[in-house]
Amino acid sequence: MSEQTEPVKEEADAQMELTNLYREEIYTDRKIGVIRCLVPVLADGNKDESRPVIYTGEAQIMTQMGALPISFDIEADSLEAAVKGYREAAKAGVERTMKELQELRRQAASKLVVPGQPGFSSPDASGSGLVMP
């Protein structure tokens, strides 16, 4: 008989919050990007007037590895204001993403393998200088 294991904590916490529900609406101009509108709702599906609508934008930037999706918040109190604020919010989102990518590159570059440390292997006997794991 196989041994039973404890459920993963995320699975145990996978219950949705009845008091924190949103209806998602998607708007696009089919040229530049997408605005997602998260409308707070009550358990019966009616709009919850006590909570604000949340606007987020989506865009893509092209990299050497292909399209990179960017998601960003748009501070707005209406769809019209979100559309007008899209450009600045997208610019800030792209700048934030570029900084994060630079930090990841910096971290990767600082993980140089040095002789005598774990992960270092001397060149193979073929003299090619390539070490295959």
N, C-alpha and C. Protein backbone atom coordinates (compact mmCIF):
# COMPACT_ATOMS: atom_id res chain seq x y z
N MET A 1 0.85 -1.18 0.00
CA MET A 1 0.00 0.00 0.00
C MET A 1 0.89 1.23 0.00
N SER A 2 0.59 2.22 -0.80
CA SER A 2 1.43 3.40 -0.90
C SER A 2 1.18 4.33 0.28
N GLU A 3 2.23 5.05 0.63
CA GLU A 3 2.16 5.99 1.75
C GLU A 3 1.47 7.27 1.29
N GLN A 4 0.52 7.77 2.08
CA GLN A 4 -0.16 9.01 1.74
C GLN A 4 0.70 10.18 2.18
N THR A 5 0.67 11.24 1.39
CA THR A 5 1.44 12.43 1.74
C THR A 5 0.49 13.55 2.11
N GLU A 6 1.03 14.53 2.82
CA GLU A 6 0.24 15.71 3.20
C GLU A 6 -0.07 16.52 1.95
N PRO A 7 -1.25 17.12 1.86
CA PRO A 7 -1.55 17.97 0.69
C PRO A 7 -0.64 19.18 0.68
N VAL A 8 -0.29 19.63 -0.51
CA VAL A 8 0.54 20.81 -0.66
C VAL A 8 -0.22 22.00 -0.11
N LYS A 9 0.48 22.91 0.59
CA LYS A 9 -0.18 24.06 1.22
C LYS A 9 -0.99 24.88 0.23
N GLU A 10 -0.45 25.09 -1.00
CA GLU A 10 -1.20 25.87 -1.99
C GLU A 10 -2.53 25.21 -2.33
N GLU A 11 -2.54 23.89 -2.40
CA GLU A 11 -3.78 23.18 -2.70
C GLU A 11 -4.78 23.38 -1.56
N ALA A 12 -4.29 23.35 -0.32
CA ALA A 12 -5.17 23.53 0.83
C ALA A 12 -5.73 24.95 0.87
N ASP A 13 -4.98 25.93 0.35
CA ASP A 13 -5.41 27.33 0.37
C ASP A 13 -6.06 27.76 -0.94
N ALA A 14 -6.47 26.83 -1.77
CA ALA A 14 -6.97 27.15 -3.11
C ALA A 14 -8.42 27.63 -3.11
N GLN A 15 -9.00 27.87 -1.96
CA GLN A 15 -10.38 28.34 -1.89
C GLN A 15 -10.45 29.80 -2.29
N MET A 16 -11.35 30.14 -3.20
CA MET A 16 -11.55 31.53 -3.61
C MET A 16 -12.23 32.30 -2.48
N GLU A 17 -11.97 33.60 -2.42
CA GLU A 17 -12.57 34.46 -1.41
C GLU A 17 -13.87 35.03 -1.94
N LEU A 18 -14.95 34.68 -1.32
CA LEU A 18 -16.28 35.12 -1.73
C LEU A 18 -16.44 36.63 -1.64
N THR A 19 -15.67 37.28 -0.76
CA THR A 19 -15.78 38.73 -0.57
C THR A 19 -14.76 39.50 -1.40
N ASN A 20 -14.03 38.83 -2.29
CA ASN A 20 -13.01 39.49 -3.10
C ASN A 20 -13.13 39.07 -4.57
N LEU A 21 -14.34 39.07 -5.08
CA LEU A 21 -14.58 38.64 -6.45
C LEU A 21 -14.60 39.83 -7.40
N TYR A 22 -14.14 39.57 -8.63
CA TYR A 22 -14.12 40.59 -9.69
C TYR A 22 -14.63 39.99 -10.98
N ARG A 23 -15.28 40.81 -11.78
CA ARG A 23 -15.66 40.45 -13.15
C ARG A 23 -14.63 41.11 -14.06
N GLU A 24 -14.11 40.37 -15.00
CA GLU A 24 -13.08 40.90 -15.88
C GLU A 24 -13.69 41.32 -17.21
N GLU A 25 -13.37 42.55 -17.62
CA GLU A 25 -13.77 43.04 -18.93
C GLU A 25 -12.51 43.41 -19.68
N ILE A 26 -12.47 43.12 -20.96
CA ILE A 26 -11.27 43.38 -21.76
C ILE A 26 -11.63 44.37 -22.86
N TYR A 27 -10.79 45.39 -23.00
CA TYR A 27 -10.98 46.42 -24.03
C TYR A 27 -9.70 46.52 -24.85
N THR A 28 -9.83 46.68 -26.15
CA THR A 28 -8.67 46.84 -27.02
C THR A 28 -9.02 47.74 -28.19
N ASP A 29 -8.01 48.41 -28.70
CA ASP A 29 -8.20 49.19 -29.93
C ASP A 29 -7.69 48.40 -31.13
N ARG A 30 -7.21 47.17 -30.89
CA ARG A 30 -6.69 46.25 -31.90
C ARG A 30 -5.45 46.79 -32.59
N LYS A 31 -4.80 47.80 -32.01
CA LYS A 31 -3.57 48.35 -32.58
C LYS A 31 -2.44 48.33 -31.57
N ILE A 32 -2.68 48.93 -30.43
CA ILE A 32 -1.62 49.16 -29.46
C ILE A 32 -1.60 48.15 -28.33
N GLY A 33 -2.72 47.92 -27.70
CA GLY A 33 -2.69 47.06 -26.53
C GLY A 33 -4.06 46.71 -26.00
N VAL A 34 -4.06 46.30 -24.75
CA VAL A 34 -5.26 45.80 -24.08
C VAL A 34 -5.37 46.46 -22.72
N ILE A 35 -6.59 46.79 -22.34
CA ILE A 35 -6.87 47.24 -20.98
C ILE A 35 -7.82 46.23 -20.37
N ARG A 36 -7.42 45.71 -19.21
CA ARG A 36 -8.29 44.82 -18.46
C ARG A 36 -8.94 45.63 -17.34
N CYS A 37 -10.21 45.47 -17.23
CA CYS A 37 -10.99 46.20 -16.24
C CYS A 37 -11.53 45.15 -15.26
N LEU A 38 -11.10 45.22 -14.01
CA LEU A 38 -11.58 44.29 -12.99
C LEU A 38 -12.65 45.00 -12.17
N VAL A 39 -13.89 44.60 -12.38
CA VAL A 39 -15.04 45.21 -11.73
C VAL A 39 -15.36 44.39 -10.49
N PRO A 40 -15.31 45.01 -9.30
CA PRO A 40 -15.63 44.25 -8.09
C PRO A 40 -17.10 43.84 -8.08
N VAL A 41 -17.36 42.62 -7.69
CA VAL A 41 -18.74 42.12 -7.64
C VAL A 41 -19.01 41.44 -6.31
N LEU A 42 -20.28 41.40 -5.98
CA LEU A 42 -20.75 40.68 -4.80
C LEU A 42 -20.91 39.20 -5.17
N ALA A 43 -21.18 38.38 -4.19
CA ALA A 43 -21.34 36.94 -4.43
C ALA A 43 -22.46 36.63 -5.41
N ASP A 44 -23.45 37.52 -5.52
CA ASP A 44 -24.55 37.29 -6.46
C ASP A 44 -24.25 37.80 -7.87
N GLY A 45 -23.06 38.37 -8.08
CA GLY A 45 -22.66 38.84 -9.40
C GLY A 45 -22.93 40.31 -9.66
N ASN A 46 -23.66 40.97 -8.77
CA ASN A 46 -23.92 42.40 -8.93
C ASN A 46 -22.69 43.21 -8.55
N LYS A 47 -22.54 44.38 -9.16
CA LYS A 47 -21.39 45.24 -8.91
C LYS A 47 -21.33 45.64 -7.44
N ASP A 48 -20.13 45.57 -6.87
CA ASP A 48 -19.89 45.99 -5.48
C ASP A 48 -19.44 47.44 -5.51
N GLU A 49 -20.33 48.35 -5.21
CA GLU A 49 -20.06 49.79 -5.28
C GLU A 49 -19.09 50.26 -4.21
N SER A 50 -18.82 49.44 -3.20
CA SER A 50 -17.94 49.86 -2.10
C SER A 50 -16.45 49.69 -2.44
N ARG A 51 -16.15 49.01 -3.55
CA ARG A 51 -14.74 48.80 -3.94
C ARG A 51 -14.49 49.42 -5.31
N PRO A 52 -13.25 49.91 -5.52
CA PRO A 52 -12.94 50.55 -6.80
C PRO A 52 -12.69 49.53 -7.92
N VAL A 53 -12.93 49.98 -9.14
CA VAL A 53 -12.59 49.20 -10.33
C VAL A 53 -11.08 49.27 -10.49
N ILE A 54 -10.46 48.17 -10.90
CA ILE A 54 -9.01 48.11 -11.10
C ILE A 54 -8.74 48.03 -12.60
N TYR A 55 -7.86 48.90 -13.09
CA TYR A 55 -7.49 48.90 -14.51
C TYR A 55 -6.04 48.45 -14.64
N THR A 56 -5.81 47.50 -15.53
CA THR A 56 -4.45 47.08 -15.85
C THR A 56 -4.28 47.10 -17.36
N GLY A 57 -3.07 47.37 -17.79
CA GLY A 57 -2.77 47.39 -19.21
C GLY A 57 -1.86 46.24 -19.58
N GLU A 58 -1.87 45.90 -20.83
CA GLU A 58 -0.99 44.86 -21.36
C GLU A 58 -0.42 45.34 -22.68
N ALA A 59 0.85 45.05 -22.87
CA ALA A 59 1.54 45.38 -24.12
C ALA A 59 2.62 44.33 -24.34
N GLN A 60 3.28 44.40 -25.47
CA GLN A 60 4.39 43.50 -25.76
C GLN A 60 5.56 44.33 -26.28
N ILE A 61 6.76 43.90 -25.89
CA ILE A 61 7.96 44.48 -26.49
C ILE A 61 8.70 43.34 -27.17
N MET A 62 9.33 43.66 -28.28
CA MET A 62 10.07 42.65 -29.01
C MET A 62 11.49 42.59 -28.48
N THR A 63 11.96 41.37 -28.21
CA THR A 63 13.33 41.14 -27.75
C THR A 63 13.98 40.15 -28.71
N GLN A 64 15.24 39.88 -28.49
CA GLN A 64 15.95 38.90 -29.31
C GLN A 64 15.33 37.51 -29.16
N MET A 65 14.67 37.28 -28.02
CA MET A 65 14.06 35.98 -27.75
C MET A 65 12.60 35.93 -28.21
N GLY A 66 12.09 37.04 -28.75
CA GLY A 66 10.70 37.09 -29.19
C GLY A 66 9.91 38.11 -28.40
N ALA A 67 8.60 38.03 -28.50
CA ALA A 67 7.73 38.99 -27.83
C ALA A 67 7.72 38.74 -26.33
N LEU A 68 7.86 39.83 -25.57
CA LEU A 68 7.83 39.76 -24.11
C LEU A 68 6.59 40.51 -23.63
N PRO A 69 5.64 39.79 -22.99
CA PRO A 69 4.44 40.48 -22.52
C PRO A 69 4.74 41.35 -21.31
N ILE A 70 4.15 42.53 -21.27
CA ILE A 70 4.32 43.48 -20.18
C ILE A 70 2.93 43.75 -19.60
N SER A 71 2.81 43.70 -18.29
CA SER A 71 1.56 44.00 -17.62
C SER A 71 1.82 45.13 -16.64
N PHE A 72 0.87 46.06 -16.51
CA PHE A 72 1.09 47.23 -15.66
C PHE A 72 -0.25 47.77 -15.18
N ASP A 73 -0.22 48.38 -14.00
CA ASP A 73 -1.41 49.01 -13.45
C ASP A 73 -1.61 50.37 -14.09
N ILE A 74 -2.86 50.76 -14.23
CA ILE A 74 -3.21 52.09 -14.73
C ILE A 74 -4.05 52.77 -13.65
N GLU A 75 -3.54 53.86 -13.11
CA GLU A 75 -4.28 54.61 -12.10
C GLU A 75 -5.38 55.40 -12.82
N ALA A 76 -6.63 55.01 -12.61
CA ALA A 76 -7.74 55.67 -13.28
C ALA A 76 -9.03 55.39 -12.52
N ASP A 77 -9.99 56.28 -12.70
CA ASP A 77 -11.29 56.09 -12.06
C ASP A 77 -12.41 55.86 -13.09
N SER A 78 -12.01 55.72 -14.36
CA SER A 78 -12.98 55.41 -15.42
C SER A 78 -12.23 54.78 -16.58
N LEU A 79 -12.97 54.14 -17.47
CA LEU A 79 -12.35 53.55 -18.65
C LEU A 79 -11.72 54.64 -19.51
N GLU A 80 -12.40 55.75 -19.66
CA GLU A 80 -11.85 56.85 -20.46
C GLU A 80 -10.51 57.33 -19.89
N ALA A 81 -10.45 57.48 -18.58
CA ALA A 81 -9.20 57.90 -17.94
C ALA A 81 -8.11 56.83 -18.10
N ALA A 82 -8.50 55.56 -18.08
CA ALA A 82 -7.54 54.47 -18.27
C ALA A 82 -6.97 54.49 -19.69
N VAL A 83 -7.83 54.75 -20.68
CA VAL A 83 -7.37 54.84 -22.07
C VAL A 83 -6.40 56.02 -22.21
N LYS A 84 -6.75 57.16 -21.62
CA LYS A 84 -5.88 58.33 -21.70
C LYS A 84 -4.56 58.11 -20.95
N GLY A 85 -4.59 57.34 -19.88
CA GLY A 85 -3.38 57.08 -19.09
C GLY A 85 -2.57 55.89 -19.54
N TYR A 86 -3.05 55.19 -20.58
CA TYR A 86 -2.39 53.96 -21.04
C TYR A 86 -0.93 54.21 -21.43
N ARG A 87 -0.67 55.24 -22.22
CA ARG A 87 0.67 55.49 -22.75
C ARG A 87 1.69 55.66 -21.61
N GLU A 88 1.38 56.52 -20.66
CA GLU A 88 2.33 56.76 -19.56
C GLU A 88 2.50 55.52 -18.69
N ALA A 89 1.41 54.82 -18.43
CA ALA A 89 1.50 53.60 -17.62
C ALA A 89 2.30 52.52 -18.34
N ALA A 90 2.11 52.42 -19.67
CA ALA A 90 2.87 51.45 -20.45
C ALA A 90 4.35 51.79 -20.44
N LYS A 91 4.66 53.06 -20.59
CA LYS A 91 6.05 53.51 -20.57
C LYS A 91 6.70 53.15 -19.24
N ALA A 92 6.00 53.41 -18.14
CA ALA A 92 6.53 53.07 -16.80
C ALA A 92 6.66 51.56 -16.65
N GLY A 93 5.71 50.80 -17.18
CA GLY A 93 5.77 49.34 -17.11
C GLY A 93 6.94 48.77 -17.88
N VAL A 94 7.20 49.33 -19.06
CA VAL A 94 8.34 48.88 -19.88
C VAL A 94 9.65 49.23 -19.17
N GLU A 95 9.73 50.44 -18.62
CA GLU A 95 10.95 50.84 -17.89
C GLU A 95 11.20 49.92 -16.71
N ARG A 96 10.13 49.60 -15.96
CA ARG A 96 10.26 48.70 -14.81
C ARG A 96 10.75 47.32 -15.27
N THR A 97 10.16 46.83 -16.35
CA THR A 97 10.55 45.51 -16.87
C THR A 97 12.00 45.50 -17.34
N MET A 98 12.43 46.57 -18.01
CA MET A 98 13.82 46.65 -18.48
C MET A 98 14.79 46.66 -17.30
N LYS A 99 14.46 47.37 -16.23
CA LYS A 99 15.30 47.38 -15.03
C LYS A 99 15.37 45.99 -14.41
N GLU A 100 14.23 45.29 -14.38
CA GLU A 100 14.21 43.94 -13.84
C GLU A 100 15.07 43.00 -14.69
N LEU A 101 14.99 43.15 -16.02
CA LEU A 101 15.82 42.32 -16.91
C LEU A 101 17.30 42.61 -16.71
N GLN A 102 17.66 43.89 -16.58
CA GLN A 102 19.05 44.26 -16.33
C GLN A 102 19.54 43.65 -15.02
N GLU A 103 18.69 43.67 -13.99
CA GLU A 103 19.07 43.09 -12.71
C GLU A 103 19.26 41.58 -12.84
N LEU A 104 18.39 40.92 -13.59
CA LEU A 104 18.55 39.48 -13.80
C LEU A 104 19.84 39.18 -14.54
N ARG A 105 20.16 40.01 -15.56
CA ARG A 105 21.42 39.82 -16.29
C ARG A 105 22.62 40.02 -15.37
N ARG A 106 22.54 41.06 -14.51
CA ARG A 106 23.63 41.34 -13.57
C ARG A 106 23.81 40.16 -12.61
N GLN A 107 22.72 39.62 -12.11
CA GLN A 107 22.80 38.48 -11.20
C GLN A 107 23.38 37.26 -11.91
N ALA A 108 22.97 37.03 -13.15
CA ALA A 108 23.50 35.90 -13.90
C ALA A 108 25.00 36.07 -14.16
N ALA A 109 25.42 37.29 -14.48
CA ALA A 109 26.83 37.54 -14.76
C ALA A 109 27.68 37.39 -13.50
N SER A 110 27.09 37.66 -12.35
CA SER A 110 27.86 37.56 -11.10
C SER A 110 28.01 36.12 -10.64
N LYS A 111 27.37 35.19 -11.32
CA LYS A 111 27.46 33.79 -10.97
C LYS A 111 28.52 33.09 -11.82
N LEU A 112 29.66 33.75 -12.00
CA LEU A 112 30.75 33.16 -12.75
C LEU A 112 31.30 31.96 -12.01
N VAL A 113 31.64 30.92 -12.74
CA VAL A 113 32.21 29.72 -12.15
C VAL A 113 33.72 29.93 -12.04
N VAL A 114 34.23 29.81 -10.83
CA VAL A 114 35.65 30.04 -10.55
C VAL A 114 36.30 28.72 -10.21
N PRO A 115 37.54 28.47 -10.71
CA PRO A 115 38.23 27.21 -10.38
C PRO A 115 38.28 27.01 -8.86
N GLY A 116 38.02 25.78 -8.46
CA GLY A 116 38.06 25.45 -7.04
C GLY A 116 36.72 25.57 -6.35
N GLN A 117 35.72 26.10 -7.04
CA GLN A 117 34.39 26.22 -6.45
C GLN A 117 33.46 25.18 -7.07
N PRO A 118 32.42 24.81 -6.35
CA PRO A 118 31.47 23.85 -6.92
C PRO A 118 30.94 24.34 -8.27
N GLY A 119 30.81 23.41 -9.21
CA GLY A 119 30.31 23.76 -10.52
C GLY A 119 31.41 23.95 -11.55
N PHE A 120 32.68 24.00 -11.11
CA PHE A 120 33.78 24.18 -12.05
C PHE A 120 34.30 22.81 -12.46
N SER A 121 34.53 22.65 -13.77
CA SER A 121 35.14 21.44 -14.32
C SER A 121 36.29 21.86 -15.20
N SER A 122 37.35 21.11 -15.18
CA SER A 122 38.48 21.43 -16.04
C SER A 122 38.16 20.99 -17.46
N PRO A 123 38.84 21.58 -18.46
CA PRO A 123 38.57 21.21 -19.86
C PRO A 123 38.74 19.72 -20.09
N ASP A 124 38.00 19.21 -21.07
CA ASP A 124 38.05 17.78 -21.36
C ASP A 124 39.35 17.42 -22.07
N ALA A 125 39.61 16.14 -22.18
CA ALA A 125 40.87 15.64 -22.74
C ALA A 125 41.00 15.91 -24.23
N SER A 126 39.93 16.26 -24.91
CA SER A 126 40.01 16.48 -26.35
C SER A 126 40.73 17.76 -26.69
N GLY A 127 40.90 18.60 -25.68
CA GLY A 127 41.59 19.86 -25.92
C GLY A 127 40.71 20.93 -26.50
N SER A 128 39.42 20.64 -26.63
CA SER A 128 38.53 21.62 -27.24
C SER A 128 38.23 22.78 -26.29
N GLY A 129 38.44 22.54 -25.01
CA GLY A 129 38.13 23.56 -24.03
C GLY A 129 36.66 23.59 -23.66
N LEU A 130 35.87 22.76 -24.32
CA LEU A 130 34.45 22.71 -23.99
C LEU A 130 34.21 21.62 -22.96
N VAL A 131 33.44 21.94 -21.98
CA VAL A 131 33.10 20.96 -20.95
C VAL A 131 31.61 20.70 -21.03
N MET A 132 31.27 19.48 -21.31
CA MET A 132 29.86 19.11 -21.41
C MET A 132 29.44 18.49 -20.09
N PRO A 133 28.33 18.91 -19.53
CA PRO A 133 27.88 18.33 -18.26
C PRO A 133 27.49 16.88 -18.42
